[in-house]
C-alpha atoms as a PDB file:
ATOM      1  CA  MET A   1      78.282 169.461 100.353  1.00  0.00           C
ATOM      2  CA  ASN A   2      74.767 168.038 100.163  1.00  0.00           C
ATOM      3  CA  THR A   3      73.699 164.764 101.763  1.00  0.00           C
ATOM      4  CA  CYS A   4      73.644 162.968  98.437  1.00  0.00           C
ATOM      5  CA  ASP A   5      77.271 163.942  97.662  1.00  0.00           C
ATOM      6  CA  LEU A   6      78.239 162.937 101.274  1.00  0.00           C
ATOM      7  CA  CYS A   7      76.719 159.538 100.733  1.00  0.00           C
ATOM      8  CA  ASP A   8      78.517 159.139  97.375  1.00  0.00           C
ATOM      9  CA  LYS A   9      81.912 160.330  98.595  1.00  0.00           C
ATOM     10  CA  TYR A  10      81.795 158.880 102.205  1.00  0.00           C
ATOM     11  CA  GLU A  11      79.596 155.786 101.694  1.00  0.00           C
ATOM     12  CA  ASP A  12      81.638 153.817 104.240  1.00  0.00           C
ATOM     13  CA  LYS A  13      81.541 156.683 106.821  1.00  0.00           C
ATOM     14  CA  VAL A  14      77.959 157.918 106.862  1.00  0.00           C
ATOM     15  CA  ARG A  15      74.702 156.390 108.020  1.00  0.00           C
ATOM     16  CA  VAL A  16      71.313 157.629 106.843  1.00  0.00           C
ATOM     17  CA  LEU A  17      68.392 158.321 109.149  1.00  0.00           C
ATOM     18  CA  GLU A  18      65.465 156.136 108.076  1.00  0.00           C
ATOM     19  CA  LEU A  19      62.651 158.457 109.165  1.00  0.00           C
ATOM     20  CA  PRO A  20      60.275 160.517 107.047  1.00  0.00           C
ATOM     21  CA  LEU A  21      60.947 164.029 108.378  1.00  0.00           C
ATOM     22  CA  SER A  22      59.627 167.267 107.000  1.00  0.00           C
ATOM     23  CA  ASP A  23      61.425 170.574 106.849  1.00  0.00           C
ATOM     24  CA  PHE A  24      59.935 173.374 108.944  1.00  0.00           C
ATOM     25  CA  GLY A  25      62.763 175.855 109.486  1.00  0.00           C
ATOM     26  CA  GLY A  26      63.815 178.820 107.310  1.00  0.00           C
ATOM     27  CA  ARG A  27      67.172 176.957 106.669  1.00  0.00           C
ATOM     28  CA  ILE A  28      66.777 173.700 104.815  1.00  0.00           C
ATOM     29  CA  ALA A  29      70.425 172.584 104.800  1.00  0.00           C
ATOM     30  CA  PHE A  30      72.307 172.452 108.123  1.00  0.00           C
ATOM     31  CA  SER A  31      75.086 170.494 109.826  1.00  0.00           C
ATOM     32  CA  GLY A  32      76.978 170.447 113.105  1.00  0.00           C
ATOM     33  CA  ILE A  33      78.066 168.390 116.120  1.00  0.00           C
ATOM     34  CA  VAL A  34      75.224 166.628 117.869  1.00  0.00           C
ATOM     35  CA  SER A  35      73.825 167.389 121.270  1.00  0.00           C
ATOM     36  CA  THR A  36      70.760 165.280 122.420  1.00  0.00           C
ATOM     37  CA  VAL A  37      67.661 165.426 124.535  1.00  0.00           C
ATOM     38  CA  LYS A  38      65.602 162.418 125.260  1.00  0.00           C
ATOM     39  CA  ALA A  39      62.127 163.186 126.749  1.00  0.00           C
ATOM     40  CA  LEU A  40      58.550 162.181 126.162  1.00  0.00           C
ATOM     41  CA  GLU A  41      56.078 165.053 125.881  1.00  0.00           C
ATOM     42  CA  ASP A  42      58.144 167.273 128.179  1.00  0.00           C
ATOM     43  CA  ASN A  43      60.372 169.930 126.603  1.00  0.00           C
ATOM     44  CA  SER A  44      61.938 171.282 129.766  1.00  0.00           C
ATOM     45  CA  LEU A  45      65.370 170.038 128.844  1.00  0.00           C
ATOM     46  CA  VAL A  46      64.920 171.341 125.276  1.00  0.00           C
ATOM     47  CA  ARG A  47      64.473 174.840 126.818  1.00  0.00           C
ATOM     48  CA  GLU A  48      67.614 174.238 128.902  1.00  0.00           C
ATOM     49  CA  ALA A  49      69.635 173.180 125.829  1.00  0.00           C
ATOM     50  CA  VAL A  50      68.722 176.038 123.503  1.00  0.00           C
ATOM     51  CA  ALA A  51      69.479 178.540 126.303  1.00  0.00           C
ATOM     52  CA  GLU A  52      73.120 177.413 126.101  1.00  0.00           C
ATOM     53  CA  PRO A  53      75.569 178.541 123.341  1.00  0.00           C
ATOM     54  CA  GLY A  54      74.904 176.336 120.303  1.00  0.00           C
ATOM     55  CA  ASN A  55      78.329 177.043 118.615  1.00  0.00           C
ATOM     56  CA  GLY A  56      76.790 175.662 115.366  1.00  0.00           C
ATOM     57  CA  ARG A  57      75.598 172.399 116.967  1.00  0.00           C
ATOM     58  CA  VAL A  58      72.463 170.446 116.041  1.00  0.00           C
ATOM     59  CA  LEU A  59      70.103 169.554 118.754  1.00  0.00           C
ATOM     60  CA  VAL A  60      68.569 166.060 118.271  1.00  0.00           C
ATOM     61  CA  ILE A  61      65.419 165.599 120.326  1.00  0.00           C
ATOM     62  CA  ASP A  62      64.086 162.132 120.766  1.00  0.00           C
ATOM     63  CA  GLY A  63      60.454 162.689 121.719  1.00  0.00           C
ATOM     64  CA  GLY A  64      59.652 159.022 121.247  1.00  0.00           C
ATOM     65  CA  GLY A  65      57.866 159.856 118.011  1.00  0.00           C
ATOM     66  CA  SER A  66      54.898 161.232 119.884  1.00  0.00           C
ATOM     67  CA  LEU A  67      52.625 163.519 117.879  1.00  0.00           C
ATOM     68  CA  ARG A  68      50.413 164.316 120.929  1.00  0.00           C
ATOM     69  CA  ARG A  69      52.655 167.270 122.178  1.00  0.00           C
ATOM     70  CA  SER A  70      55.049 169.494 120.425  1.00  0.00           C
ATOM     71  CA  MET A  71      58.677 169.420 121.561  1.00  0.00           C
ATOM     72  CA  LEU A  72      59.656 172.760 119.914  1.00  0.00           C
ATOM     73  CA  GLY A  73      57.737 175.965 119.364  1.00  0.00           C
ATOM     74  CA  ASP A  74      58.600 179.405 118.064  1.00  0.00           C
ATOM     75  CA  MET A  75      59.935 180.821 121.342  1.00  0.00           C
ATOM     76  CA  LEU A  76      62.399 178.000 121.812  1.00  0.00           C
ATOM     77  CA  ALA A  77      63.419 178.087 118.150  1.00  0.00           C
ATOM     78  CA  GLU A  78      64.039 181.846 118.446  1.00  0.00           C
ATOM     79  CA  LYS A  79      66.195 181.124 121.566  1.00  0.00           C
ATOM     80  CA  ALA A  80      68.113 178.501 119.439  1.00  0.00           C
ATOM     81  CA  VAL A  81      68.787 181.022 116.742  1.00  0.00           C
ATOM     82  CA  ALA A  82      69.814 183.702 119.271  1.00  0.00           C
ATOM     83  CA  ASN A  83      72.299 181.282 120.868  1.00  0.00           C
ATOM     84  CA  GLY A  84      73.938 179.978 117.558  1.00  0.00           C
ATOM     85  CA  TRP A  85      72.384 176.568 117.090  1.00  0.00           C
ATOM     86  CA  SER A  86      72.536 175.382 113.474  1.00  0.00           C
ATOM     87  CA  GLY A  87      69.484 173.135 113.554  1.00  0.00           C
ATOM     88  CA  VAL A  88      67.030 171.024 115.475  1.00  0.00           C
ATOM     89  CA  LEU A  89      65.885 167.518 114.545  1.00  0.00           C
ATOM     90  CA  VAL A  90      62.829 166.188 116.330  1.00  0.00           C
ATOM     91  CA  ASN A  91      61.658 162.643 116.563  1.00  0.00           C
ATOM     92  CA  GLY A  92      58.171 163.922 117.263  1.00  0.00           C
ATOM     93  CA  ALA A  93      56.109 167.085 116.622  1.00  0.00           C
ATOM     94  CA  ILE A  94      56.748 170.794 116.599  1.00  0.00           C
ATOM     95  CA  ARG A  95      54.241 173.771 116.604  1.00  0.00           C
ATOM     96  CA  ASP A  96      54.282 177.355 115.461  1.00  0.00           C
ATOM     97  CA  SER A  97      55.467 176.101 112.139  1.00  0.00           C
ATOM     98  CA  VAL A  98      54.793 179.307 110.181  1.00  0.00           C
ATOM     99  CA  ALA A  99      56.889 181.427 112.641  1.00  0.00           C
ATOM    100  CA  ILE A 100      59.598 178.711 112.733  1.00  0.00           C
ATOM    101  CA  GLY A 101      59.668 178.809 108.889  1.00  0.00           C
ATOM    102  CA  GLU A 102      60.728 182.544 109.124  1.00  0.00           C
ATOM    103  CA  LEU A 103      63.775 181.809 111.359  1.00  0.00           C
ATOM    104  CA  ASP A 104      67.360 181.069 110.082  1.00  0.00           C
ATOM    105  CA  LEU A 105      67.262 177.632 111.721  1.00  0.00           C
ATOM    106  CA  GLY A 106      67.119 174.179 110.301  1.00  0.00           C
ATOM    107  CA  VAL A 107      64.178 172.305 111.777  1.00  0.00           C
ATOM    108  CA  LYS A 108      63.243 168.797 110.843  1.00  0.00           C
ATOM    109  CA  ALA A 109      60.349 166.923 112.545  1.00  0.00           C
ATOM    110  CA  ILE A 110      57.837 164.212 111.845  1.00  0.00           C
ATOM    111  CA  ALA A 111      54.789 166.545 112.030  1.00  0.00           C
ATOM    112  CA  THR A 112      53.077 169.454 113.774  1.00  0.00           C
ATOM    113  CA  CYS A 113      50.774 169.508 116.784  1.00  0.00           C
ATOM    114  CA  PRO A 114      49.381 172.651 118.341  1.00  0.00           C
ATOM    115  CA  MET A 115      49.491 171.239 121.879  1.00  0.00           C
ATOM    116  CA  LYS A 116      52.338 172.368 124.156  1.00  0.00           C
ATOM    117  CA  THR A 117      54.187 169.912 126.367  1.00  0.00           C
ATOM    118  CA  ASP A 118      54.001 169.386 130.075  1.00  0.00           C
ATOM    119  CA  LYS A 119      56.913 171.025 131.948  1.00  0.00           C
ATOM    120  CA  GLN A 120      58.079 168.577 134.637  1.00  0.00           C
ATOM    121  CA  GLY A 121      61.686 168.627 134.099  1.00  0.00           C
ATOM    122  CA  GLN A 122      61.800 165.137 132.928  1.00  0.00           C
ATOM    123  CA  GLY A 123      64.159 163.515 130.406  1.00  0.00           C
ATOM    124  CA  LEU A 124      67.842 163.078 129.804  1.00  0.00           C
ATOM    125  CA  ARG A 125      70.455 165.331 128.157  1.00  0.00           C
ATOM    126  CA  ASP A 126      73.436 164.260 126.024  1.00  0.00           C
ATOM    127  CA  VAL A 127      72.769 160.511 126.077  1.00  0.00           C
ATOM    128  CA  PRO A 128      72.647 158.252 123.072  1.00  0.00           C
ATOM    129  CA  VAL A 129      69.165 158.116 121.405  1.00  0.00           C
ATOM    130  CA  GLU A 130      67.897 155.523 119.034  1.00  0.00           C
ATOM    131  CA  PHE A 131      65.314 156.051 116.258  1.00  0.00           C
ATOM    132  CA  GLY A 132      65.171 155.887 112.457  1.00  0.00           C
ATOM    133  CA  GLY A 133      67.427 152.908 112.336  1.00  0.00           C
ATOM    134  CA  LEU A 134      70.392 154.753 114.087  1.00  0.00           C
ATOM    135  CA  VAL A 135      71.910 155.245 117.413  1.00  0.00           C
ATOM    136  CA  ILE A 136      72.729 158.918 117.572  1.00  0.00           C
ATOM    137  CA  ARG A 137      75.412 159.930 120.079  1.00  0.00           C
ATOM    138  CA  PRO A 138      76.455 163.341 121.377  1.00  0.00           C
ATOM    139  CA  GLY A 139      79.582 164.430 119.598  1.00  0.00           C
ATOM    140  CA  GLN A 140      78.763 162.825 116.303  1.00  0.00           C
ATOM    141  CA  TRP A 141      78.332 164.904 113.215  1.00  0.00           C
ATOM    142  CA  LEU A 142      74.952 165.434 111.477  1.00  0.00           C
ATOM    143  CA  ALA A 143      74.180 166.806 108.103  1.00  0.00           C
ATOM    144  CA  ALA A 144      70.697 167.454 106.896  1.00  0.00           C
ATOM    145  CA  ASP A 145      69.025 168.923 103.726  1.00  0.00           C
ATOM    146  CA  ALA A 146      65.972 168.411 101.533  1.00  0.00           C
ATOM    147  CA  ASP A 147      67.112 164.837 100.736  1.00  0.00           C
ATOM    148  CA  GLY A 148      67.570 163.538 104.175  1.00  0.00           C
ATOM    149  CA  VAL A 149      69.732 163.257 107.254  1.00  0.00           C
ATOM    150  CA  VAL A 150      73.223 161.676 107.440  1.00  0.00           C
ATOM    151  CA  LEU A 151      75.347 160.934 110.514  1.00  0.00           C
ATOM    152  CA  ALA A 152      79.094 160.427 110.782  1.00  0.00           C
ATOM    153  CA  ASP A 153      81.528 159.920 113.680  1.00  0.00           C
ATOM    154  CA  SER A 154      83.353 163.153 112.672  1.00  0.00           C
ATOM    155  CA  ALA A 155      82.792 166.156 110.422  1.00  0.00           C
ATOM    156  CA  LEU A 156      82.905 165.469 106.667  1.00  0.00           C
ATOM    157  CA  GLY A 157      82.883 167.562 103.539  1.00  0.00           C
END
């Protein structure tokens, strides 16, 4: 079910992310249970997350909206695919967009930036993050497609 249909059918159960994201992955529509990373210009915990079994989950990365460093590149995206992640949503930038576009992974982000991040092991895993008018909590369900991103407390559709 697409995000428009989810909004129509479950208007009282879904919330819409108010952030202008672009699609970069080879999969435009994706959904799954949320896991989060909160880190500014350091993707060490993103690397840690995508190395774990994804089991169809969606990794939501709150990079503070920074466009100075990319929070996801092709090597981490390839690892996410290999480990069964459904998609990655980035409040910030990604890089290697052409290569990521070839992968069977949903990737939404604000923009691209060719600069890699610092690797200092900073950030938080599986904590509530807040951006785009929503508080996004680990364990919630997220669905995304060309029309946007919706969040619900449990799986819909």
